[in-house]
Amino acid sequence: MLKDLQNSLNKLETAFTANPMSVREDANLVLVALENLEKSKLDLKEDKVLKNIVAQIDRLSIQNEFKLNLIKDFSKYYNKKK
């Protein structure tokens, strides 16, 4: 279960360099993996894979926040130039 989540996060990270459609599809895969993990009721205490997953989610969150801010700032800049 954790490996499935980790694999889907890896695909999502790769999709950020591709196109928006890939990001959407791979984000859905992450959601499915999270739902399956929740249903499984695994004991997640002190799992090494889990620590890697948390770090990866943090990294993806920072990348996404940066890209959203870049888009927002660019649109402000573009509107001022008009």
N, C-alpha and C. Protein backbone atom coordinates (compact mmCIF):
# COMPACT_ATOMS: atom_id res chain seq x y z
N MET A 1 0.81 -1.20 0.00
CA MET A 1 0.00 0.00 0.00
C MET A 1 0.86 1.27 0.00
N LEU A 2 1.85 1.31 0.87
CA LEU A 2 2.72 2.49 0.92
C LEU A 2 3.54 2.63 -0.35
N LYS A 3 3.95 1.52 -0.91
CA LYS A 3 4.71 1.57 -2.16
C LYS A 3 3.85 2.12 -3.30
N ASP A 4 2.56 1.76 -3.30
CA ASP A 4 1.65 2.30 -4.32
C ASP A 4 1.55 3.81 -4.19
N LEU A 5 1.44 4.29 -2.96
CA LEU A 5 1.37 5.72 -2.73
C LEU A 5 2.67 6.39 -3.16
N GLN A 6 3.78 5.79 -2.80
CA GLN A 6 5.07 6.35 -3.17
C GLN A 6 5.24 6.39 -4.70
N ASN A 7 4.83 5.34 -5.37
CA ASN A 7 4.91 5.30 -6.84
C ASN A 7 4.02 6.36 -7.48
N SER A 8 2.82 6.55 -6.95
CA SER A 8 1.93 7.55 -7.52
C SER A 8 2.47 8.96 -7.26
N LEU A 9 3.12 9.18 -6.12
CA LEU A 9 3.75 10.47 -5.86
C LEU A 9 4.93 10.72 -6.80
N ASN A 10 5.68 9.67 -7.09
CA ASN A 10 6.78 9.80 -8.05
C ASN A 10 6.25 10.20 -9.43
N LYS A 11 5.16 9.57 -9.83
CA LYS A 11 4.56 9.91 -11.13
C LYS A 11 4.07 11.34 -11.13
N LEU A 12 3.49 11.78 -10.01
CA LEU A 12 3.01 13.15 -9.92
C LEU A 12 4.16 14.13 -10.00
N GLU A 13 5.24 13.83 -9.33
CA GLU A 13 6.41 14.70 -9.37
C GLU A 13 6.95 14.83 -10.80
N THR A 14 6.97 13.73 -11.52
CA THR A 14 7.41 13.75 -12.92
C THR A 14 6.41 14.53 -13.78
N ALA A 15 5.14 14.42 -13.47
CA ALA A 15 4.11 15.09 -14.25
C ALA A 15 4.21 16.61 -14.15
N PHE A 16 4.75 17.11 -13.04
CA PHE A 16 4.90 18.56 -12.90
C PHE A 16 5.78 19.15 -13.99
N THR A 17 6.65 18.35 -14.58
CA THR A 17 7.50 18.84 -15.66
C THR A 17 6.87 18.58 -17.02
N ALA A 18 5.75 17.90 -17.03
CA ALA A 18 5.07 17.58 -18.29
C ALA A 18 3.96 18.59 -18.53
N ASN A 19 2.78 18.09 -18.83
CA ASN A 19 1.66 18.98 -19.13
C ASN A 19 0.60 18.93 -18.03
N PRO A 20 -0.28 19.92 -18.00
CA PRO A 20 -1.30 19.98 -16.94
C PRO A 20 -2.21 18.76 -16.88
N MET A 21 -2.47 18.15 -18.03
CA MET A 21 -3.34 16.97 -18.05
C MET A 21 -2.68 15.81 -17.30
N SER A 22 -1.38 15.66 -17.45
CA SER A 22 -0.66 14.61 -16.74
C SER A 22 -0.72 14.84 -15.23
N VAL A 23 -0.60 16.10 -14.82
CA VAL A 23 -0.66 16.42 -13.40
C VAL A 23 -2.02 16.02 -12.84
N ARG A 24 -3.05 16.34 -13.58
CA ARG A 24 -4.42 16.01 -13.13
C ARG A 24 -4.61 14.51 -13.00
N GLU A 25 -4.18 13.78 -14.01
CA GLU A 25 -4.33 12.32 -13.99
C GLU A 25 -3.54 11.69 -12.84
N ASP A 26 -2.31 12.14 -12.67
CA ASP A 26 -1.47 11.57 -11.63
C ASP A 26 -1.90 12.00 -10.23
N ALA A 27 -2.48 13.19 -10.11
CA ALA A 27 -3.04 13.61 -8.82
C ALA A 27 -4.20 12.71 -8.44
N ASN A 28 -4.98 12.29 -9.43
CA ASN A 28 -6.08 11.35 -9.16
C ASN A 28 -5.54 10.00 -8.69
N LEU A 29 -4.41 9.57 -9.26
CA LEU A 29 -3.79 8.32 -8.82
C LEU A 29 -3.34 8.40 -7.36
N VAL A 30 -2.83 9.57 -6.98
CA VAL A 30 -2.43 9.78 -5.58
C VAL A 30 -3.66 9.68 -4.67
N LEU A 31 -4.75 10.29 -5.09
CA LEU A 31 -5.97 10.23 -4.29
C LEU A 31 -6.47 8.79 -4.11
N VAL A 32 -6.42 8.03 -5.18
CA VAL A 32 -6.84 6.62 -5.11
C VAL A 32 -5.92 5.85 -4.16
N ALA A 33 -4.63 6.09 -4.25
CA ALA A 33 -3.68 5.40 -3.37
C ALA A 33 -3.92 5.78 -1.91
N LEU A 34 -4.23 7.04 -1.66
CA LEU A 34 -4.53 7.48 -0.30
C LEU A 34 -5.81 6.83 0.23
N GLU A 35 -6.82 6.75 -0.63
CA GLU A 35 -8.08 6.11 -0.23
C GLU A 35 -7.85 4.63 0.09
N ASN A 36 -7.07 3.96 -0.73
CA ASN A 36 -6.78 2.54 -0.50
C ASN A 36 -5.99 2.35 0.80
N LEU A 37 -5.08 3.26 1.06
CA LEU A 37 -4.30 3.20 2.29
C LEU A 37 -5.19 3.40 3.51
N GLU A 38 -6.12 4.33 3.39
CA GLU A 38 -7.04 4.59 4.50
C GLU A 38 -7.93 3.37 4.78
N LYS A 39 -8.36 2.72 3.73
CA LYS A 39 -9.21 1.53 3.89
C LYS A 39 -8.44 0.35 4.49
N SER A 40 -7.14 0.31 4.24
CA SER A 40 -6.36 -0.85 4.68
C SER A 40 -6.08 -0.87 6.17
N LYS A 41 -6.12 0.28 6.83
CA LYS A 41 -5.89 0.39 8.27
C LYS A 41 -4.52 -0.16 8.68
N LEU A 42 -3.50 0.10 7.87
CA LEU A 42 -2.15 -0.33 8.19
C LEU A 42 -1.61 0.45 9.38
N ASP A 43 -0.75 -0.19 10.16
CA ASP A 43 -0.06 0.49 11.25
C ASP A 43 1.14 1.22 10.64
N LEU A 44 1.11 2.55 10.71
CA LEU A 44 2.12 3.34 10.01
C LEU A 44 3.19 3.92 10.93
N LYS A 45 3.29 3.43 12.13
CA LYS A 45 4.25 3.98 13.09
C LYS A 45 5.67 3.64 12.66
N GLU A 46 6.51 4.67 12.64
CA GLU A 46 7.95 4.52 12.40
C GLU A 46 8.29 3.70 11.14
N ASP A 47 7.57 3.90 10.11
CA ASP A 47 7.85 3.20 8.86
C ASP A 47 8.78 4.07 8.01
N LYS A 48 9.88 3.50 7.53
CA LYS A 48 10.87 4.25 6.75
C LYS A 48 10.28 4.76 5.44
N VAL A 49 9.46 3.95 4.80
CA VAL A 49 8.82 4.37 3.55
C VAL A 49 7.91 5.55 3.82
N LEU A 50 7.22 5.52 4.95
CA LEU A 50 6.32 6.62 5.30
C LEU A 50 7.10 7.93 5.46
N LYS A 51 8.26 7.86 6.07
CA LYS A 51 9.08 9.07 6.23
C LYS A 51 9.48 9.62 4.87
N ASN A 52 9.80 8.76 3.94
CA ASN A 52 10.14 9.20 2.58
C ASN A 52 8.93 9.82 1.89
N ILE A 53 7.77 9.24 2.11
CA ILE A 53 6.55 9.75 1.51
C ILE A 53 6.23 11.14 2.04
N VAL A 54 6.38 11.32 3.35
CA VAL A 54 6.11 12.63 3.95
C VAL A 54 7.06 13.68 3.37
N ALA A 55 8.33 13.33 3.24
CA ALA A 55 9.30 14.27 2.65
C ALA A 55 8.94 14.59 1.21
N GLN A 56 8.49 13.60 0.48
CA GLN A 56 8.13 13.81 -0.92
C GLN A 56 6.88 14.70 -1.03
N ILE A 57 5.91 14.48 -0.17
CA ILE A 57 4.71 15.31 -0.18
C ILE A 57 5.08 16.75 0.14
N ASP A 58 5.98 16.94 1.08
CA ASP A 58 6.43 18.28 1.43
C ASP A 58 7.11 18.94 0.23
N ARG A 59 7.95 18.22 -0.46
CA ARG A 59 8.65 18.73 -1.64
C ARG A 59 7.65 19.11 -2.74
N LEU A 60 6.66 18.24 -2.97
CA LEU A 60 5.65 18.52 -4.00
C LEU A 60 4.81 19.74 -3.62
N SER A 61 4.54 19.87 -2.35
CA SER A 61 3.75 21.01 -1.87
C SER A 61 4.49 22.31 -2.13
N ILE A 62 5.79 22.32 -1.86
CA ILE A 62 6.60 23.52 -2.09
C ILE A 62 6.66 23.83 -3.58
N GLN A 63 6.85 22.82 -4.42
CA GLN A 63 6.89 23.03 -5.87
C GLN A 63 5.57 23.61 -6.36
N ASN A 64 4.47 23.05 -5.89
CA ASN A 64 3.16 23.49 -6.33
C ASN A 64 2.91 24.93 -5.88
N GLU A 65 3.25 25.25 -4.65
CA GLU A 65 3.06 26.60 -4.13
C GLU A 65 3.87 27.61 -4.94
N PHE A 66 5.10 27.25 -5.27
CA PHE A 66 5.95 28.13 -6.07
C PHE A 66 5.32 28.38 -7.44
N LYS A 67 4.86 27.32 -8.08
CA LYS A 67 4.27 27.46 -9.41
C LYS A 67 2.99 28.29 -9.38
N LEU A 68 2.16 28.09 -8.34
CA LEU A 68 0.94 28.87 -8.24
C LEU A 68 1.25 30.35 -8.01
N ASN A 69 2.24 30.63 -7.18
CA ASN A 69 2.64 32.02 -6.95
C ASN A 69 3.22 32.64 -8.22
N LEU A 70 3.99 31.87 -8.96
CA LEU A 70 4.56 32.35 -10.20
C LEU A 70 3.47 32.72 -11.19
N ILE A 71 2.46 31.89 -11.31
CA ILE A 71 1.34 32.17 -12.21
C ILE A 71 0.60 33.42 -11.77
N LYS A 72 0.35 33.51 -10.47
CA LYS A 72 -0.36 34.67 -9.93
C LYS A 72 0.44 35.95 -10.17
N ASP A 73 1.72 35.93 -9.86
CA ASP A 73 2.56 37.11 -10.04
C ASP A 73 2.70 37.48 -11.51
N PHE A 74 2.82 36.49 -12.37
CA PHE A 74 2.93 36.78 -13.80
C PHE A 74 1.67 37.45 -14.32
N SER A 75 0.51 36.97 -13.88
CA SER A 75 -0.74 37.58 -14.36
C SER A 75 -0.86 39.03 -13.90
N LYS A 76 -0.39 39.32 -12.67
CA LYS A 76 -0.39 40.71 -12.20
C LYS A 76 0.55 41.56 -13.06
N TYR A 77 1.73 41.04 -13.32
CA TYR A 77 2.71 41.74 -14.14
C TYR A 77 2.17 41.97 -15.54
N TYR A 78 1.57 40.96 -16.12
CA TYR A 78 1.03 41.05 -17.47
C TYR A 78 -0.09 42.10 -17.55
N ASN A 79 -0.96 42.11 -16.55
CA ASN A 79 -2.06 43.08 -16.54
C ASN A 79 -1.54 44.51 -16.39
N LYS A 80 -0.47 44.69 -15.65
CA LYS A 80 0.11 46.03 -15.50
C LYS A 80 0.72 46.51 -16.81
N LYS A 81 1.28 45.59 -17.59
CA LYS A 81 1.92 45.93 -18.85
C LYS A 81 0.92 46.30 -19.93
N LYS A 82 -0.31 45.87 -19.79
CA LYS A 82 -1.35 46.16 -20.80
C LYS A 82 -1.62 47.59 -20.82
